[in-house]
Amino acid sequence: MKKLYVGNLPFTATEEEITELFGQHGTVHSVALINDRETGRPRGFGFIEVDDESLQGMISALDGKEMGGRALRVNEAQDRPRGGGGGGGGGGGRW
């Protein structure tokens, strides 16, 4: 299984709509739309797990395709390094 990154999604997009759209080009195993932690509002991107053999066809067919007035950005998701941690605070001190 491979993971696709889908960006520039309309904020109204649902997991069902994404599953239906991408399902026209191969098998979709899961859809995860990302919401803002603080507000709970959609952030306009998500991740889709698909069969390995569906990946390139989906990218070719759907990258740049318009959905809700926005051109989708579709590419293979890159694994983010785990751990290590977070930004710095820095500054150290006095005002």
PDB file of N, CA and C in Angstrom:
ATOM      1  N   MET A   1       0.836  -1.181   0.000  1.00  0.00           N
ATOM      2  CA  MET A   1       0.000   0.000   0.000  1.00  0.00           C
ATOM      3  C   MET A   1       0.884   1.250   0.000  1.00  0.00           C
ATOM      4  N   LYS A   2       0.421   2.263  -0.685  1.00  0.00           N
ATOM      5  CA  LYS A   2       1.137   3.532  -0.761  1.00  0.00           C
ATOM      6  C   LYS A   2       0.232   4.638  -0.237  1.00  0.00           C
ATOM      7  N   LYS A   3       0.860   5.764   0.082  1.00  0.00           N
ATOM      8  CA  LYS A   3       0.100   6.893   0.600  1.00  0.00           C
ATOM      9  C   LYS A   3       0.271   8.093  -0.325  1.00  0.00           C
ATOM     10  N   LEU A   4      -0.851   8.722  -0.660  1.00  0.00           N
ATOM     11  CA  LEU A   4      -0.857   9.935  -1.464  1.00  0.00           C
ATOM     12  C   LEU A   4      -1.096  11.141  -0.570  1.00  0.00           C
ATOM     13  N   TYR A   5      -0.440  12.233  -0.908  1.00  0.00           N
ATOM     14  CA  TYR A   5      -0.738  13.528  -0.307  1.00  0.00           C
ATOM     15  C   TYR A   5      -1.670  14.249  -1.277  1.00  0.00           C
ATOM     16  N   VAL A   6      -2.752  14.814  -0.767  1.00  0.00           N
ATOM     17  CA  VAL A   6      -3.661  15.600  -1.594  1.00  0.00           C
ATOM     18  C   VAL A   6      -3.788  16.973  -0.953  1.00  0.00           C
ATOM     19  N   GLY A   7      -3.343  17.997  -1.677  1.00  0.00           N
ATOM     20  CA  GLY A   7      -3.384  19.359  -1.162  1.00  0.00           C
ATOM     21  C   GLY A   7      -4.306  20.239  -1.979  1.00  0.00           C
ATOM     22  N   ASN A   8      -4.554  21.419  -1.442  1.00  0.00           N
ATOM     23  CA  ASN A   8      -5.410  22.423  -2.062  1.00  0.00           C
ATOM     24  C   ASN A   8      -6.848  21.937  -2.186  1.00  0.00           C
ATOM     25  N   LEU A   9      -7.266  21.131  -1.217  1.00  0.00           N
ATOM     26  CA  LEU A   9      -8.649  20.643  -1.204  1.00  0.00           C
ATOM     27  C   LEU A   9      -9.586  21.777  -0.807  1.00  0.00           C
ATOM     28  N   PRO A  10     -10.808  21.771  -1.373  1.00  0.00           N
ATOM     29  CA  PRO A  10     -11.792  22.730  -0.864  1.00  0.00           C
ATOM     30  C   PRO A  10     -12.093  22.395   0.599  1.00  0.00           C
ATOM     31  N   PHE A  11     -12.325  23.394   1.394  1.00  0.00           N
ATOM     32  CA  PHE A  11     -12.565  23.166   2.822  1.00  0.00           C
ATOM     33  C   PHE A  11     -13.863  22.408   3.082  1.00  0.00           C
ATOM     34  N   THR A  12     -14.712  22.316   2.070  1.00  0.00           N
ATOM     35  CA  THR A  12     -15.977  21.603   2.202  1.00  0.00           C
ATOM     36  C   THR A  12     -15.869  20.134   1.813  1.00  0.00           C
ATOM     37  N   ALA A  13     -14.701  19.697   1.327  1.00  0.00           N
ATOM     38  CA  ALA A  13     -14.534  18.317   0.865  1.00  0.00           C
ATOM     39  C   ALA A  13     -14.763  17.324   2.003  1.00  0.00           C
ATOM     40  N   THR A  14     -15.405  16.208   1.672  1.00  0.00           N
ATOM     41  CA  THR A  14     -15.646  15.156   2.659  1.00  0.00           C
ATOM     42  C   THR A  14     -14.840  13.917   2.290  1.00  0.00           C
ATOM     43  N   GLU A  15     -14.645  13.042   3.256  1.00  0.00           N
ATOM     44  CA  GLU A  15     -13.930  11.794   2.997  1.00  0.00           C
ATOM     45  C   GLU A  15     -14.649  10.979   1.933  1.00  0.00           C
ATOM     46  N   GLU A  16     -15.980  11.009   1.941  1.00  0.00           N
ATOM     47  CA  GLU A  16     -16.759  10.260   0.955  1.00  0.00           C
ATOM     48  C   GLU A  16     -16.511  10.785  -0.459  1.00  0.00           C
ATOM     49  N   GLU A  17     -16.490  12.110  -0.621  1.00  0.00           N
ATOM     50  CA  GLU A  17     -16.238  12.696  -1.941  1.00  0.00           C
ATOM     51  C   GLU A  17     -14.843  12.327  -2.451  1.00  0.00           C
ATOM     52  N   ILE A  18     -13.865  12.376  -1.567  1.00  0.00           N
ATOM     53  CA  ILE A  18     -12.494  12.050  -1.948  1.00  0.00           C
ATOM     54  C   ILE A  18     -12.395  10.571  -2.327  1.00  0.00           C
ATOM     55  N   THR A  19     -13.027   9.706  -1.525  1.00  0.00           N
ATOM     56  CA  THR A  19     -13.023   8.272  -1.817  1.00  0.00           C
ATOM     57  C   THR A  19     -13.650   8.003  -3.178  1.00  0.00           C
ATOM     58  N   GLU A  20     -14.753   8.668  -3.458  1.00  0.00           N
ATOM     59  CA  GLU A  20     -15.442   8.476  -4.739  1.00  0.00           C
ATOM     60  C   GLU A  20     -14.579   8.958  -5.908  1.00  0.00           C
ATOM     61  N   LEU A  21     -13.991  10.145  -5.778  1.00  0.00           N
ATOM     62  CA  LEU A  21     -13.176  10.715  -6.850  1.00  0.00           C
ATOM     63  C   LEU A  21     -11.958   9.839  -7.142  1.00  0.00           C
ATOM     64  N   PHE A  22     -11.217   9.480  -6.106  1.00  0.00           N
ATOM     65  CA  PHE A  22     -10.006   8.695  -6.303  1.00  0.00           C
ATOM     66  C   PHE A  22     -10.329   7.241  -6.639  1.00  0.00           C
ATOM     67  N   GLY A  23     -11.464   6.749  -6.159  1.00  0.00           N
ATOM     68  CA  GLY A  23     -11.888   5.380  -6.433  1.00  0.00           C
ATOM     69  C   GLY A  23     -12.160   5.123  -7.905  1.00  0.00           C
ATOM     70  N   GLN A  24     -12.379   6.171  -8.680  1.00  0.00           N
ATOM     71  CA  GLN A  24     -12.572   6.020 -10.126  1.00  0.00           C
ATOM     72  C   GLN A  24     -11.268   5.598 -10.811  1.00  0.00           C
ATOM     73  N   HIS A  25     -10.152   5.716 -10.104  1.00  0.00           N
ATOM     74  CA  HIS A  25      -8.845   5.458 -10.700  1.00  0.00           C
ATOM     75  C   HIS A  25      -8.084   4.341  -9.998  1.00  0.00           C
ATOM     76  N   GLY A  26      -8.734   3.639  -9.078  1.00  0.00           N
ATOM     77  CA  GLY A  26      -8.074   2.543  -8.375  1.00  0.00           C
ATOM     78  C   GLY A  26      -8.705   2.308  -7.016  1.00  0.00           C
ATOM     79  N   THR A  27      -8.089   1.433  -6.253  1.00  0.00           N
ATOM     80  CA  THR A  27      -8.624   1.061  -4.945  1.00  0.00           C
ATOM     81  C   THR A  27      -8.146   2.029  -3.870  1.00  0.00           C
ATOM     82  N   VAL A  28      -9.110   2.586  -3.132  1.00  0.00           N
ATOM     83  CA  VAL A  28      -8.824   3.484  -2.009  1.00  0.00           C
ATOM     84  C   VAL A  28      -9.058   2.700  -0.717  1.00  0.00           C
ATOM     85  N   HIS A  29      -8.042   2.638   0.132  1.00  0.00           N
ATOM     86  CA  HIS A  29      -8.170   1.911   1.397  1.00  0.00           C
ATOM     87  C   HIS A  29      -8.595   2.823   2.540  1.00  0.00           C
ATOM     88  N   SER A  30      -8.099   4.055   2.544  1.00  0.00           N
ATOM     89  CA  SER A  30      -8.501   4.982   3.608  1.00  0.00           C
ATOM     90  C   SER A  30      -8.260   6.414   3.166  1.00  0.00           C
ATOM     91  N   VAL A  31      -9.018   7.315   3.776  1.00  0.00           N
ATOM     92  CA  VAL A  31      -8.879   8.748   3.533  1.00  0.00           C
ATOM     93  C   VAL A  31      -8.799   9.433   4.898  1.00  0.00           C
ATOM     94  N   ALA A  32      -7.830  10.311   5.069  1.00  0.00           N
ATOM     95  CA  ALA A  32      -7.709  11.088   6.305  1.00  0.00           C
ATOM     96  C   ALA A  32      -7.576  12.561   5.928  1.00  0.00           C
ATOM     97  N   LEU A  33      -8.617  13.335   6.192  1.00  0.00           N
ATOM     98  CA  LEU A  33      -8.557  14.775   5.959  1.00  0.00           C
ATOM     99  C   LEU A  33      -8.087  15.428   7.247  1.00  0.00           C
ATOM    100  N   ILE A  34      -7.163  16.362   7.132  1.00  0.00           N
ATOM    101  CA  ILE A  34      -6.513  16.944   8.305  1.00  0.00           C
ATOM    102  C   ILE A  34      -7.252  18.208   8.747  1.00  0.00           C
ATOM    103  N   ASN A  35      -7.549  18.254  10.038  1.00  0.00           N
ATOM    104  CA  ASN A  35      -8.205  19.420  10.637  1.00  0.00           C
ATOM    105  C   ASN A  35      -7.231  20.142  11.554  1.00  0.00           C
ATOM    106  N   ASP A  36      -7.451  21.438  11.717  1.00  0.00           N
ATOM    107  CA  ASP A  36      -6.657  22.244  12.630  1.00  0.00           C
ATOM    108  C   ASP A  36      -6.893  21.761  14.059  1.00  0.00           C
ATOM    109  N   ARG A  37      -5.830  21.575  14.814  1.00  0.00           N
ATOM    110  CA  ARG A  37      -5.963  21.076  16.184  1.00  0.00           C
ATOM    111  C   ARG A  37      -6.754  22.007  17.079  1.00  0.00           C
ATOM    112  N   GLU A  38      -6.582  23.293  16.882  1.00  0.00           N
ATOM    113  CA  GLU A  38      -7.206  24.248  17.793  1.00  0.00           C
ATOM    114  C   GLU A  38      -8.637  24.581  17.427  1.00  0.00           C
ATOM    115  N   THR A  39      -8.898  24.757  16.130  1.00  0.00           N
ATOM    116  CA  THR A  39     -10.244  25.183  15.716  1.00  0.00           C
ATOM    117  C   THR A  39     -11.115  24.036  15.248  1.00  0.00           C
ATOM    118  N   GLY A  40     -10.490  22.916  14.871  1.00  0.00           N
ATOM    119  CA  GLY A  40     -11.252  21.788  14.343  1.00  0.00           C
ATOM    120  C   GLY A  40     -11.664  21.975  12.888  1.00  0.00           C
ATOM    121  N   ARG A  41     -11.272  23.091  12.292  1.00  0.00           N
ATOM    122  CA  ARG A  41     -11.628  23.358  10.891  1.00  0.00           C
ATOM    123  C   ARG A  41     -10.680  22.633   9.941  1.00  0.00           C
ATOM    124  N   PRO A  42     -11.184  22.287   8.744  1.00  0.00           N
ATOM    125  CA  PRO A  42     -10.321  21.618   7.761  1.00  0.00           C
ATOM    126  C   PRO A  42      -9.142  22.494   7.364  1.00  0.00           C
ATOM    127  N   ARG A  43      -7.988  21.855   7.127  1.00  0.00           N
ATOM    128  CA  ARG A  43      -6.786  22.586   6.727  1.00  0.00           C
ATOM    129  C   ARG A  43      -6.563  22.552   5.223  1.00  0.00           C
ATOM    130  N   GLY A  44      -7.406  21.820   4.487  1.00  0.00           N
ATOM    131  CA  GLY A  44      -7.302  21.831   3.029  1.00  0.00           C
ATOM    132  C   GLY A  44      -6.342  20.812   2.458  1.00  0.00           C
ATOM    133  N   PHE A  45      -5.985  19.798   3.254  1.00  0.00           N
ATOM    134  CA  PHE A  45      -5.166  18.719   2.711  1.00  0.00           C
ATOM    135  C   PHE A  45      -5.467  17.424   3.446  1.00  0.00           C
ATOM    136  N   GLY A  46      -4.994  16.328   2.870  1.00  0.00           N
ATOM    137  CA  GLY A  46      -5.221  15.037   3.492  1.00  0.00           C
ATOM    138  C   GLY A  46      -4.329  13.977   2.884  1.00  0.00           C
ATOM    139  N   PHE A  47      -4.529  12.747   3.354  1.00  0.00           N
ATOM    140  CA  PHE A  47      -3.739  11.611   2.908  1.00  0.00           C
ATOM    141  C   PHE A  47      -4.671  10.472   2.541  1.00  0.00           C
ATOM    142  N   ILE A  48      -4.305   9.749   1.478  1.00  0.00           N
ATOM    143  CA  ILE A  48      -5.122   8.652   0.989  1.00  0.00           C
ATOM    144  C   ILE A  48      -4.235   7.430   0.834  1.00  0.00           C
ATOM    145  N   GLU A  49      -4.655   6.304   1.400  1.00  0.00           N
ATOM    146  CA  GLU A  49      -3.926   5.050   1.208  1.00  0.00           C
ATOM    147  C   GLU A  49      -4.549   4.316   0.032  1.00  0.00           C
ATOM    148  N   VAL A  50      -3.678   3.920  -0.915  1.00  0.00           N
ATOM    149  CA  VAL A  50      -4.130   3.274  -2.149  1.00  0.00           C
ATOM    150  C   VAL A  50      -3.245   2.066  -2.443  1.00  0.00           C
ATOM    151  N   ASP A  51      -3.721   1.198  -3.373  1.00  0.00           N
ATOM    152  CA  ASP A  51      -2.896   0.085  -3.834  1.00  0.00           C
ATOM    153  C   ASP A  51      -1.676   0.634  -4.561  1.00  0.00           C
ATOM    154  N   ASP A  52      -0.565  -0.071  -4.449  1.00  0.00           N
ATOM    155  CA  ASP A  52       0.674   0.349  -5.103  1.00  0.00           C
ATOM    156  C   ASP A  52       0.465   0.600  -6.593  1.00  0.00           C
ATOM    157  N   GLU A  53      -0.271  -0.305  -7.249  1.00  0.00           N
ATOM    158  CA  GLU A  53      -0.436  -0.180  -8.700  1.00  0.00           C
ATOM    159  C   GLU A  53      -1.383   0.950  -9.098  1.00  0.00           C
ATOM    160  N   SER A  54      -2.140   1.505  -8.169  1.00  0.00           N
ATOM    161  CA  SER A  54      -3.063   2.612  -8.462  1.00  0.00           C
ATOM    162  C   SER A  54      -2.389   3.975  -8.357  1.00  0.00           C
ATOM    163  N   LEU A  55      -1.270   4.026  -7.651  1.00  0.00           N
ATOM    164  CA  LEU A  55      -0.651   5.296  -7.280  1.00  0.00           C
ATOM    165  C   LEU A  55      -0.373   6.212  -8.476  1.00  0.00           C
ATOM    166  N   GLN A  56       0.417   5.761  -9.430  1.00  0.00           N
ATOM    167  CA  GLN A  56       0.815   6.633 -10.538  1.00  0.00           C
ATOM    168  C   GLN A  56      -0.377   7.068 -11.388  1.00  0.00           C
ATOM    169  N   GLY A  57      -1.328   6.166 -11.594  1.00  0.00           N
ATOM    170  CA  GLY A  57      -2.520   6.516 -12.370  1.00  0.00           C
ATOM    171  C   GLY A  57      -3.340   7.606 -11.698  1.00  0.00           C
ATOM    172  N   MET A  58      -3.434   7.526 -10.387  1.00  0.00           N
ATOM    173  CA  MET A  58      -4.187   8.547  -9.642  1.00  0.00           C
ATOM    174  C   MET A  58      -3.473   9.896  -9.722  1.00  0.00           C
ATOM    175  N   ILE A  59      -2.158   9.877  -9.569  1.00  0.00           N
ATOM    176  CA  ILE A  59      -1.403  11.127  -9.650  1.00  0.00           C
ATOM    177  C   ILE A  59      -1.576  11.746 -11.032  1.00  0.00           C
ATOM    178  N   SER A  60      -1.413  10.937 -12.067  1.00  0.00           N
ATOM    179  CA  SER A  60      -1.531  11.436 -13.437  1.00  0.00           C
ATOM    180  C   SER A  60      -2.919  12.000 -13.727  1.00  0.00           C
ATOM    181  N   ALA A  61      -3.943  11.280 -13.260  1.00  0.00           N
ATOM    182  CA  ALA A  61      -5.315  11.672 -13.572  1.00  0.00           C
ATOM    183  C   ALA A  61      -5.803  12.859 -12.750  1.00  0.00           C
ATOM    184  N   LEU A  62      -5.329  12.981 -11.513  1.00  0.00           N
ATOM    185  CA  LEU A  62      -5.966  13.928 -10.599  1.00  0.00           C
ATOM    186  C   LEU A  62      -5.117  15.125 -10.185  1.00  0.00           C
ATOM    187  N   ASP A  63      -3.807  15.088 -10.408  1.00  0.00           N
ATOM    188  CA  ASP A  63      -2.990  16.250 -10.075  1.00  0.00           C
ATOM    189  C   ASP A  63      -3.386  17.396 -10.996  1.00  0.00           C
ATOM    190  N   GLY A  64      -3.816  18.503 -10.421  1.00  0.00           N
ATOM    191  CA  GLY A  64      -4.261  19.654 -11.200  1.00  0.00           C
ATOM    192  C   GLY A  64      -5.751  19.647 -11.513  1.00  0.00           C
ATOM    193  N   LYS A  65      -6.430  18.542 -11.236  1.00  0.00           N
ATOM    194  CA  LYS A  65      -7.878  18.472 -11.485  1.00  0.00           C
ATOM    195  C   LYS A  65      -8.604  19.440 -10.557  1.00  0.00           C
ATOM    196  N   GLU A  66      -9.606  20.103 -11.099  1.00  0.00           N
ATOM    197  CA  GLU A  66     -10.345  21.064 -10.299  1.00  0.00           C
ATOM    198  C   GLU A  66     -11.400  20.378  -9.446  1.00  0.00           C
ATOM    199  N   MET A  67     -11.470  20.780  -8.199  1.00  0.00           N
ATOM    200  CA  MET A  67     -12.502  20.304  -7.276  1.00  0.00           C
ATOM    201  C   MET A  67     -12.939  21.497  -6.448  1.00  0.00           C
ATOM    202  N   GLY A  68     -14.189  21.839  -6.529  1.00  0.00           N
ATOM    203  CA  GLY A  68     -14.703  22.969  -5.764  1.00  0.00           C
ATOM    204  C   GLY A  68     -14.001  24.272  -6.083  1.00  0.00           C
ATOM    205  N   GLY A  69     -13.590  24.436  -7.340  1.00  0.00           N
ATOM    206  CA  GLY A  69     -12.935  25.669  -7.754  1.00  0.00           C
ATOM    207  C   GLY A  69     -11.457  25.741  -7.421  1.00  0.00           C
ATOM    208  N   ARG A  70     -10.883  24.634  -6.953  1.00  0.00           N
ATOM    209  CA  ARG A  70      -9.463  24.612  -6.596  1.00  0.00           C
ATOM    210  C   ARG A  70      -8.765  23.494  -7.358  1.00  0.00           C
ATOM    211  N   ALA A  71      -7.548  23.762  -7.821  1.00  0.00           N
ATOM    212  CA  ALA A  71      -6.755  22.756  -8.527  1.00  0.00           C
ATOM    213  C   ALA A  71      -6.042  21.877  -7.502  1.00  0.00           C
ATOM    214  N   LEU A  72      -6.372  20.595  -7.483  1.00  0.00           N
ATOM    215  CA  LEU A  72      -5.779  19.677  -6.519  1.00  0.00           C
ATOM    216  C   LEU A  72      -4.291  19.495  -6.770  1.00  0.00           C
ATOM    217  N   ARG A  73      -3.548  19.301  -5.697  1.00  0.00           N
ATOM    218  CA  ARG A  73      -2.140  18.910  -5.784  1.00  0.00           C
ATOM    219  C   ARG A  73      -2.058  17.478  -5.260  1.00  0.00           C
ATOM    220  N   VAL A  74      -1.648  16.569  -6.115  1.00  0.00           N
ATOM    221  CA  VAL A  74      -1.614  15.155  -5.749  1.00  0.00           C
ATOM    222  C   VAL A  74      -0.214  14.616  -6.014  1.00  0.00           C
ATOM    223  N   ASN A  75       0.407  14.038  -4.979  1.00  0.00           N
ATOM    224  CA  ASN A  75       1.691  13.381  -5.172  1.00  0.00           C
ATOM    225  C   ASN A  75       1.886  12.325  -4.089  1.00  0.00           C
ATOM    226  N   GLU A  76       2.933  11.530  -4.261  1.00  0.00           N
ATOM    227  CA  GLU A  76       3.198  10.495  -3.269  1.00  0.00           C
ATOM    228  C   GLU A  76       3.639  11.156  -1.973  1.00  0.00           C
ATOM    229  N   ALA A  77       3.039  10.726  -0.880  1.00  0.00           N
ATOM    230  CA  ALA A  77       3.375  11.299   0.428  1.00  0.00           C
ATOM    231  C   ALA A  77       4.789  10.895   0.808  1.00  0.00           C
ATOM    232  N   GLN A  78       5.501  11.816   1.407  1.00  0.00           N
ATOM    233  CA  GLN A  78       6.850  11.553   1.898  1.00  0.00           C
ATOM    234  C   GLN A  78       6.766  11.273   3.386  1.00  0.00           C
ATOM    235  N   ASP A  79       7.437  10.227   3.827  1.00  0.00           N
ATOM    236  CA  ASP A  79       7.447   9.937   5.260  1.00  0.00           C
ATOM    237  C   ASP A  79       8.179  11.051   5.987  1.00  0.00           C
ATOM    238  N   ARG A  80       7.546  11.528   7.048  1.00  0.00           N
ATOM    239  CA  ARG A  80       8.160  12.564   7.859  1.00  0.00           C
ATOM    240  C   ARG A  80       9.020  11.908   8.918  1.00  0.00           C
ATOM    241  N   PRO A  81      10.214  12.399   9.139  1.00  0.00           N
ATOM    242  CA  PRO A  81      11.038  11.788  10.185  1.00  0.00           C
ATOM    243  C   PRO A  81      10.347  11.913  11.537  1.00  0.00           C
ATOM    244  N   ARG A  82      10.362  10.843  12.289  1.00  0.00           N
ATOM    245  CA  ARG A  82       9.703  10.841  13.596  1.00  0.00           C
ATOM    246  C   ARG A  82      10.633  11.417  14.653  1.00  0.00           C
ATOM    247  N   GLY A  83      10.017  11.950  15.685  1.00  0.00           N
ATOM    248  CA  GLY A  83      10.777  12.387  16.842  1.00  0.00           C
ATOM    249  C   GLY A  83      11.682  13.560  16.548  1.00  0.00           C
ATOM    250  N   GLY A  84      12.599  13.798  17.421  1.00  0.00           N
ATOM    251  CA  GLY A  84      13.564  14.843  17.184  1.00  0.00           C
ATOM    252  C   GLY A  84      13.043  16.187  17.532  1.00  0.00           C
ATOM    253  N   GLY A  85      11.966  16.375  17.678  1.00  0.00           N
ATOM    254  CA  GLY A  85      11.447  17.498  17.904  1.00  0.00           C
ATOM    255  C   GLY A  85      11.012  18.793  17.947  1.00  0.00           C
ATOM    256  N   GLY A  86      10.422  19.378  17.223  1.00  0.00           N
ATOM    257  CA  GLY A  86       9.768  20.630  17.447  1.00  0.00           C
ATOM    258  C   GLY A  86      10.697  21.812  17.401  1.00  0.00           C
ATOM    259  N   GLY A  87      10.139  22.891  17.222  1.00  0.00           N
ATOM    260  CA  GLY A  87      10.900  24.091  17.054  1.00  0.00           C
ATOM    261  C   GLY A  87      11.401  24.590  18.359  1.00  0.00           C
ATOM    262  N   GLY A  88      12.166  25.403  18.309  1.00  0.00           N
ATOM    263  CA  GLY A  88      12.885  25.905  19.406  1.00  0.00           C
ATOM    264  C   GLY A  88      12.373  26.953  20.190  1.00  0.00           C
ATOM    265  N   GLY A  89      12.099  27.596  20.673  1.00  0.00           N
ATOM    266  CA  GLY A  89      11.792  28.644  21.553  1.00  0.00           C
ATOM    267  C   GLY A  89      12.867  29.641  21.560  1.00  0.00           C
ATOM    268  N   GLY A  90      14.042  29.234  21.891  1.00  0.00           N
ATOM    269  CA  GLY A  90      15.186  30.108  21.820  1.00  0.00           C
ATOM    270  C   GLY A  90      15.026  31.405  22.565  1.00  0.00           C
ATOM    271  N   GLY A  91      15.786  32.347  22.245  1.00  0.00           N
ATOM    272  CA  GLY A  91      15.663  33.658  22.859  1.00  0.00           C
ATOM    273  C   GLY A  91      16.359  33.735  24.181  1.00  0.00           C
ATOM    274  N   GLY A  92      16.055  32.930  25.073  1.00  0.00           N
ATOM    275  CA  GLY A  92      16.765  32.815  26.292  1.00  0.00           C
ATOM    276  C   GLY A  92      16.534  33.894  27.292  1.00  0.00           C
ATOM    277  N   GLY A  93      15.854  34.871  27.100  1.00  0.00           N
ATOM    278  CA  GLY A  93      15.960  35.613  28.265  1.00  0.00           C
ATOM    279  C   GLY A  93      15.247  36.852  28.548  1.00  0.00           C
ATOM    280  N   ARG A  94      15.974  37.862  28.629  1.00  0.00           N
ATOM    281  CA  ARG A  94      15.416  39.084  29.195  1.00  0.00           C
ATOM    282  C   ARG A  94      14.800  39.929  28.123  1.00  0.00           C
ATOM    283  N   TRP A  95      13.958  40.784  28.570  1.00  0.00           N
ATOM    284  CA  TRP A  95      13.270  41.682  27.631  1.00  0.00           C
ATOM    285  C   TRP A  95      14.068  42.894  27.524  1.00  0.00           C
TER     286      TRP A  95
END
